[in-house]
Amino acid sequence: MRGLMKASRESGTCVPPFSSLAAARLNLLNHPAPDRFLAVAEYGYSLRFIDPPLGVQWCSAAADALSADLVPSVRGRVLGYFANSHRVVGNYDDAKEVLERALKVLPGDPLLLEFKASLLRDIRHFDEAMECLREASEIRQASGDLAGFARTILVTAHVMDQAGESETAARLCLKALDFLDSSVDPSRDLLRAAVQNYATFMCNAGNALAALQALRTSEPILAGGEPFFQLRIEWLLGRIAARLRDESAERRLETVRQKLEEGGLYQEAALATLDLARYFVRRGDPRASAVALSVAPLLKSLGIDRDAREAELLSQISMADSNIDQLLAELYARIAWRTETRKVA
């Protein structure tokens, strides 16, 4: 099992509730207790960053064993986690179908609405995503769920960032911070996520200094995050250094991409590699093309075909004498969103 899998998560932990998938399936069939279904599905959800395909399998184990005797709150949530696990790996048709089933069982559930918004964001239906999040926000506020309301704000911020409104996304993170005191967020996980997201969005908006200041002033809080969170912070610091043309960017991004690849996070490793290539372009370093071309094995691991646009872009980079920044930008976007495989009817 991958080295990053010992970490705790925002929802549940990365400690499996059963010794194996087979044991989980057998236990759920013989002892269909609601808390066990949720434990298995939440564990699958916790794997969304560090081993998404395995997360699908754990969520499937819970979803496949569901029966009509279980209360709607359990059935709806388990199906929601299963749908989200499909979304994370780009199975958008399956995610849509399972999410529709979940919302029929548990209509108006704010977490399910957030999952739906994330799916709509990934397929670039931003207006519809915002509608879901507006509904979720109203429900969270009406119930007095401040932690949930802050979470919905952060999901909204991600939609705005992907829609090209990074400064607005950053302001939403600041709004979320207003609700996250120790009584609302005792683990401080949401607080750390809000700070990290704020810095990320400010960096995306071109304000690297503000991003760096946010990370530096929040170091005591950020230090409490689990290993993968810390790796994301390291990656962000590398991106910030690259934007500032600081020489530490090379060391930071090289270290991060190696850790990501060693952890089997090939999509993230490819993006960190391209961050390094784009840094070299800004500095006029001739190594930029070679670094960019080194993502080829990672694309193969991601299942991207040789005749896909990504492969074509790599070929153009290999033949270009200079000015590869636009090619790198398109390649980065395509890998980030996997547009050749992320489709839904």
Protein backbone atom coordinates (compact mmCIF):
# COMPACT_ATOMS: atom_id res chain seq x y z
CA MET A 1 0.00 0.00 0.00
CA ARG A 2 1.27 3.44 -0.86
CA GLY A 3 3.38 5.42 1.55
CA LEU A 4 0.94 8.32 1.72
CA MET A 5 -1.90 6.16 3.02
CA LYS A 6 -1.22 6.48 6.75
CA ALA A 7 -2.73 9.94 6.93
CA SER A 8 -5.95 10.99 8.58
CA ARG A 9 -8.56 12.70 6.41
CA GLU A 10 -11.08 15.52 6.61
CA SER A 11 -13.81 12.85 6.76
CA GLY A 12 -12.78 9.63 8.45
CA THR A 13 -9.28 8.23 8.45
CA CYS A 14 -7.01 6.24 6.20
CA VAL A 15 -7.15 3.32 8.63
CA PRO A 16 -9.39 0.73 6.90
CA PRO A 17 -12.41 -0.39 8.96
CA PHE A 18 -11.81 -4.00 7.90
CA SER A 19 -8.70 -5.98 7.08
CA SER A 20 -9.57 -6.26 3.38
CA LEU A 21 -12.24 -5.49 0.81
CA ALA A 22 -13.37 -9.10 0.92
CA ALA A 23 -13.76 -8.91 4.68
CA ALA A 24 -15.74 -5.68 4.35
CA ARG A 25 -18.12 -7.18 1.78
CA LEU A 26 -18.68 -10.31 3.89
CA ASN A 27 -19.23 -8.33 7.08
CA LEU A 28 -21.77 -6.00 5.47
CA LEU A 29 -23.73 -8.97 4.13
CA ASN A 30 -23.77 -10.80 7.46
CA HIS A 31 -24.03 -7.79 9.79
CA PRO A 32 -25.71 -4.94 7.87
CA ALA A 33 -25.37 -2.30 10.58
CA PRO A 34 -25.75 1.32 9.38
CA ASP A 35 -22.53 2.53 11.00
CA ARG A 36 -20.55 -0.18 9.19
CA PHE A 37 -21.87 0.88 5.80
CA LEU A 38 -20.90 4.46 6.53
CA ALA A 39 -17.47 3.44 7.84
CA VAL A 40 -16.66 1.53 4.65
CA ALA A 41 -17.96 4.29 2.35
CA GLU A 42 -16.24 7.05 4.31
CA TYR A 43 -12.97 5.14 4.16
CA GLY A 44 -13.36 4.94 0.38
CA TYR A 45 -14.02 8.69 0.36
CA SER A 46 -10.86 9.28 2.40
CA LEU A 47 -8.81 7.72 -0.40
CA ARG A 48 -9.89 10.28 -3.01
CA PHE A 49 -6.52 12.06 -3.00
CA ILE A 50 -4.08 9.23 -2.38
CA ASP A 51 -5.55 6.19 -4.18
CA PRO A 52 -8.76 7.10 -6.04
CA PRO A 53 -9.25 3.71 -7.83
CA LEU A 54 -9.05 1.90 -4.50
CA GLY A 55 -11.52 4.41 -3.12
CA VAL A 56 -14.01 3.38 -5.81
CA GLN A 57 -13.67 -0.25 -4.73
CA TRP A 58 -14.32 0.49 -1.06
CA CYS A 59 -17.30 2.70 -1.84
CA SER A 60 -18.60 0.02 -4.20
CA ALA A 61 -18.36 -2.57 -1.43
CA ALA A 62 -20.73 -0.47 0.69
CA ALA A 63 -23.06 0.51 -2.16
CA ASP A 64 -23.41 -3.03 -3.52
CA ALA A 65 -24.56 -4.34 -0.14
CA LEU A 66 -27.23 -1.69 0.45
CA SER A 67 -30.76 -2.85 1.10
CA ALA A 68 -34.09 -1.05 1.24
CA ASP A 69 -34.25 -1.80 4.98
CA LEU A 70 -31.53 0.75 5.72
CA VAL A 71 -32.62 4.27 6.63
CA PRO A 72 -32.52 6.81 3.75
CA SER A 73 -29.82 8.89 5.45
CA VAL A 74 -27.42 5.94 5.26
CA ARG A 75 -28.40 4.76 1.78
CA GLY A 76 -28.22 8.28 0.35
CA ARG A 77 -24.85 9.08 1.89
CA VAL A 78 -23.28 5.76 0.85
CA LEU A 79 -24.48 6.27 -2.73
CA GLY A 80 -23.18 9.83 -2.59
CA TYR A 81 -19.70 8.69 -1.57
CA PHE A 82 -19.80 6.06 -4.32
CA ALA A 83 -20.82 8.66 -6.92
CA ASN A 84 -18.07 11.02 -5.82
CA SER A 85 -15.48 8.24 -6.05
CA HIS A 86 -16.49 7.72 -9.68
CA ARG A 87 -16.17 11.45 -10.33
CA VAL A 88 -12.66 11.59 -8.93
CA VAL A 89 -11.41 8.97 -11.40
CA GLY A 90 -13.26 10.57 -14.32
CA ASN A 91 -16.13 8.05 -14.59
CA TYR A 92 -18.60 10.85 -15.12
CA ASP A 93 -21.47 8.84 -16.59
CA ASP A 94 -21.37 6.45 -13.63
CA ALA A 95 -21.05 9.36 -11.19
CA LYS A 96 -24.10 11.04 -12.68
CA GLU A 97 -26.22 7.87 -12.57
CA VAL A 98 -25.33 6.97 -8.97
CA LEU A 99 -25.73 10.56 -7.79
CA GLU A 100 -29.22 10.72 -9.27
CA ARG A 101 -30.08 7.58 -7.30
CA ALA A 102 -28.64 9.13 -4.13
CA LEU A 103 -30.67 12.32 -4.50
CA LYS A 104 -33.86 10.31 -5.01
CA VAL A 105 -33.20 8.55 -1.72
CA LEU A 106 -32.08 11.69 0.13
CA PRO A 107 -33.33 14.77 -1.76
CA GLY A 108 -31.95 18.13 -0.71
CA ASP A 109 -29.05 16.71 1.28
CA PRO A 110 -26.36 19.44 1.24
CA LEU A 111 -23.42 17.02 0.99
CA LEU A 112 -24.99 15.33 -2.01
CA LEU A 113 -25.61 18.75 -3.56
CA GLU A 114 -21.92 19.56 -3.05
CA PHE A 115 -20.97 16.28 -4.74
CA LYS A 116 -23.27 17.20 -7.63
CA ALA A 117 -21.70 20.65 -7.86
CA SER A 118 -18.23 19.10 -8.01
CA LEU A 119 -19.36 16.85 -10.85
CA LEU A 120 -20.85 19.80 -12.72
CA ARG A 121 -17.67 21.77 -12.14
CA ASP A 122 -15.53 18.99 -13.56
CA ILE A 123 -17.60 18.87 -16.75
CA ARG A 124 -17.48 22.68 -16.92
CA HIS A 125 -21.16 23.35 -16.20
CA PHE A 126 -20.35 26.18 -13.83
CA ASP A 127 -23.75 27.88 -13.70
CA GLU A 128 -25.50 24.65 -12.75
CA ALA A 129 -22.83 23.95 -10.15
CA MET A 130 -23.45 27.33 -8.57
CA GLU A 131 -27.19 26.64 -8.41
CA CYS A 132 -26.53 23.44 -6.45
CA LEU A 133 -24.23 25.27 -4.08
CA ARG A 134 -26.70 28.07 -3.50
CA GLU A 135 -29.26 25.46 -2.45
CA ALA A 136 -26.75 23.69 -0.23
CA SER A 137 -25.76 27.00 1.40
CA GLU A 138 -29.36 27.85 2.24
CA ILE A 139 -29.88 24.43 3.82
CA ARG A 140 -26.65 24.64 5.82
CA GLN A 141 -27.47 28.13 7.10
CA ALA A 142 -31.06 27.24 8.00
CA SER A 143 -29.88 24.27 10.05
CA GLY A 144 -27.17 26.26 11.83
CA ASP A 145 -24.45 23.96 10.51
CA LEU A 146 -21.58 26.46 10.47
CA ALA A 147 -18.88 23.92 9.65
CA GLY A 148 -20.98 22.61 6.78
CA PHE A 149 -21.68 26.14 5.59
CA ALA A 150 -17.95 26.90 5.55
CA ARG A 151 -17.37 23.69 3.60
CA THR A 152 -19.99 24.72 1.03
CA ILE A 153 -18.27 28.10 0.67
CA LEU A 154 -14.96 26.35 -0.03
CA VAL A 155 -16.56 24.11 -2.66
CA THR A 156 -18.01 27.26 -4.23
CA ALA A 157 -14.54 28.81 -4.23
CA HIS A 158 -13.19 25.86 -6.21
CA VAL A 159 -15.92 26.33 -8.82
CA MET A 160 -15.07 30.02 -9.13
CA ASP A 161 -11.36 29.29 -9.47
CA GLN A 162 -11.94 26.79 -12.26
CA ALA A 163 -14.24 29.29 -13.96
CA GLY A 164 -11.30 31.72 -14.12
CA GLU A 165 -12.36 33.84 -11.14
CA SER A 166 -9.43 33.10 -8.85
CA GLU A 167 -9.56 36.39 -6.93
CA THR A 168 -13.24 35.85 -6.17
CA ALA A 169 -12.40 32.32 -5.08
CA ALA A 170 -9.77 33.67 -2.68
CA ARG A 171 -12.28 36.11 -1.17
CA LEU A 172 -14.69 33.23 -0.58
CA CYS A 173 -11.98 31.42 1.38
CA LEU A 174 -11.66 34.46 3.63
CA LYS A 175 -15.42 34.37 4.11
CA ALA A 176 -15.23 30.72 5.14
CA LEU A 177 -12.55 31.57 7.70
CA ASP A 178 -15.04 33.83 9.51
CA PHE A 179 -16.99 30.73 10.61
CA LEU A 180 -14.13 28.43 11.54
CA ASP A 181 -13.34 28.86 15.24
CA SER A 182 -12.24 25.96 17.46
CA SER A 183 -15.81 25.10 18.49
CA VAL A 184 -16.97 24.77 14.89
CA ASP A 185 -13.82 23.10 13.55
CA PRO A 186 -12.05 21.40 16.48
CA SER A 187 -9.73 19.33 14.26
CA ARG A 188 -8.76 22.52 12.33
CA ASP A 189 -8.94 20.54 9.08
CA LEU A 190 -11.34 23.00 7.45
CA LEU A 191 -9.26 25.93 8.68
CA ARG A 192 -6.12 24.45 7.13
CA ALA A 193 -8.00 23.75 3.89
CA ALA A 194 -9.31 27.32 3.77
CA VAL A 195 -5.84 28.82 4.23
CA GLN A 196 -4.26 26.50 1.68
CA ASN A 197 -7.03 27.17 -0.82
CA TYR A 198 -6.75 30.94 -0.29
CA ALA A 199 -3.02 30.82 -1.00
CA THR A 200 -3.56 28.57 -4.03
CA PHE A 201 -6.17 30.85 -5.53
CA MET A 202 -4.06 33.96 -4.92
CA CYS A 203 -1.16 32.23 -6.67
CA ASN A 204 -3.48 31.30 -9.55
CA ALA A 205 -4.58 34.95 -9.72
CA GLY A 206 -0.93 36.03 -10.11
CA ASN A 207 -0.45 37.40 -6.60
CA ALA A 208 2.31 35.09 -5.42
CA LEU A 209 3.48 37.44 -2.66
CA ALA A 210 0.04 37.45 -1.02
CA ALA A 211 -0.04 33.66 -1.28
CA LEU A 212 3.37 33.38 0.35
CA GLN A 213 2.42 35.78 3.14
CA ALA A 214 -0.71 33.75 3.90
CA LEU A 215 1.30 30.54 4.21
CA ARG A 216 4.01 32.13 6.36
CA THR A 217 1.60 33.75 8.81
CA SER A 218 -0.36 30.48 9.12
CA GLU A 219 2.59 28.13 9.63
CA PRO A 220 1.57 26.97 13.14
CA ILE A 221 -1.89 25.99 11.89
CA LEU A 222 -0.70 24.38 8.66
CA ALA A 223 1.91 22.30 10.50
CA GLY A 224 -0.85 20.16 12.00
CA GLY A 225 -1.93 18.75 8.65
CA GLU A 226 -1.44 15.12 7.60
CA PRO A 227 1.36 14.05 5.20
CA PHE A 228 -0.47 14.51 1.90
CA PHE A 229 -1.67 17.94 2.98
CA GLN A 230 1.92 18.87 3.81
CA LEU A 231 2.99 17.66 0.37
CA ARG A 232 0.38 19.91 -1.23
CA ILE A 233 1.77 22.83 0.78
CA GLU A 234 5.29 21.99 -0.43
CA TRP A 235 3.99 21.91 -3.99
CA LEU A 236 2.27 25.26 -3.55
CA LEU A 237 5.45 26.78 -2.13
CA GLY A 238 7.28 25.51 -5.21
CA ARG A 239 4.70 27.09 -7.51
CA ILE A 240 4.93 30.37 -5.59
CA ALA A 241 8.73 30.33 -5.81
CA ALA A 242 8.47 29.67 -9.55
CA ARG A 243 6.17 32.66 -10.04
CA LEU A 244 8.61 34.81 -8.09
CA ARG A 245 11.50 33.33 -10.11
CA ASP A 246 13.17 32.28 -6.91
CA GLU A 247 15.97 29.74 -7.30
CA SER A 248 14.44 27.48 -4.63
CA ALA A 249 11.63 26.61 -7.08
CA GLU A 250 13.73 24.00 -8.87
CA ARG A 251 14.60 22.12 -5.68
CA ARG A 252 11.07 22.34 -4.30
CA LEU A 253 9.28 21.22 -7.46
CA GLU A 254 11.76 18.43 -8.18
CA THR A 255 11.32 17.05 -4.66
CA VAL A 256 7.54 17.26 -4.85
CA ARG A 257 7.24 15.58 -8.23
CA GLN A 258 9.42 12.70 -7.04
CA LYS A 259 7.29 12.20 -3.92
CA LEU A 260 4.08 12.32 -5.95
CA GLU A 261 5.34 9.76 -8.44
CA GLU A 262 6.61 7.48 -5.69
CA GLY A 263 3.15 7.67 -4.12
CA GLY A 264 1.52 6.61 -7.39
CA LEU A 265 -0.12 10.02 -7.86
CA TYR A 266 0.74 10.20 -11.55
CA GLN A 267 -1.61 13.01 -12.55
CA GLU A 268 -0.28 15.28 -9.81
CA ALA A 269 3.31 14.24 -10.60
CA ALA A 270 2.78 15.22 -14.24
CA LEU A 271 1.44 18.62 -13.23
CA ALA A 272 4.33 19.27 -10.84
CA THR A 273 6.72 18.31 -13.65
CA LEU A 274 5.10 20.85 -15.95
CA ASP A 275 5.28 23.47 -13.18
CA LEU A 276 9.02 22.91 -13.20
CA ALA A 277 9.18 23.11 -17.00
CA ARG A 278 7.25 26.40 -17.00
CA TYR A 279 9.61 27.78 -14.36
CA PHE A 280 12.54 26.93 -16.62
CA VAL A 281 10.79 28.70 -19.51
CA ARG A 282 10.45 31.88 -17.43
CA ARG A 283 14.15 31.76 -16.61
CA GLY A 284 15.19 30.97 -20.19
CA ASP A 285 16.63 27.65 -19.04
CA PRO A 286 17.23 25.25 -21.98
CA ARG A 287 16.16 22.28 -19.82
CA ALA A 288 12.49 23.27 -20.13
CA SER A 289 11.69 21.05 -23.12
CA ALA A 290 13.44 17.98 -21.71
CA VAL A 291 11.62 18.32 -18.40
CA ALA A 292 8.27 18.71 -20.17
CA LEU A 293 8.91 15.62 -22.30
CA SER A 294 9.67 13.59 -19.18
CA VAL A 295 5.92 13.45 -18.42
CA ALA A 296 5.43 10.92 -21.26
CA PRO A 297 5.69 7.82 -18.99
CA LEU A 298 3.29 9.44 -16.54
CA LEU A 299 0.73 10.03 -19.29
CA LYS A 300 1.03 6.38 -20.22
CA SER A 301 0.34 5.43 -16.61
CA LEU A 302 -2.75 7.64 -16.73
CA GLY A 303 -4.05 5.75 -19.75
CA ILE A 304 -3.76 8.67 -22.15
CA ASP A 305 -3.57 7.30 -25.69
CA ARG A 306 -0.68 7.95 -28.05
CA ASP A 307 -3.01 9.69 -30.50
CA ALA A 308 -4.53 11.98 -27.84
CA ARG A 309 -4.02 15.73 -27.94
CA GLU A 310 -1.61 15.46 -24.99
CA ALA A 311 0.75 13.28 -27.04
CA GLU A 312 0.46 15.68 -29.95
CA LEU A 313 1.43 18.57 -27.69
CA LEU A 314 4.49 16.67 -26.47
CA SER A 315 5.51 16.08 -30.07
CA GLN A 316 5.18 19.81 -30.82
CA ILE A 317 7.25 20.64 -27.74
CA SER A 318 10.00 18.26 -28.87
CA MET A 319 10.20 19.98 -32.26
CA ALA A 320 9.87 23.58 -31.07
CA ASP A 321 13.02 25.70 -30.98
CA SER A 322 11.54 28.17 -28.50
CA ASN A 323 8.31 29.70 -27.18
CA ILE A 324 6.81 26.53 -25.73
CA ASP A 325 4.97 28.31 -22.94
CA GLN A 326 1.58 28.19 -24.69
CA LEU A 327 2.05 24.52 -25.50
CA LEU A 328 2.88 23.85 -21.85
CA ALA A 329 -0.17 25.81 -20.70
CA GLU A 330 -2.51 23.75 -22.89
CA LEU A 331 -0.85 20.49 -21.88
CA TYR A 332 -1.15 21.45 -18.21
CA ALA A 333 -4.85 22.21 -18.57
CA ARG A 334 -5.55 18.98 -20.42
CA ILE A 335 -3.77 16.84 -17.87
CA ALA A 336 -5.44 18.69 -14.99
CA TRP A 337 -8.90 18.08 -16.40
CA ARG A 338 -8.27 14.97 -18.51
CA THR A 339 -10.61 16.38 -21.15
CA GLU A 340 -10.22 13.38 -23.46
CA THR A 341 -11.68 11.01 -20.86
CA ARG A 342 -13.84 13.23 -18.69
CA LYS A 343 -17.11 13.19 -20.57
CA VAL A 344 -20.70 12.72 -19.51
CA ALA A 345 -23.89 12.31 -21.53
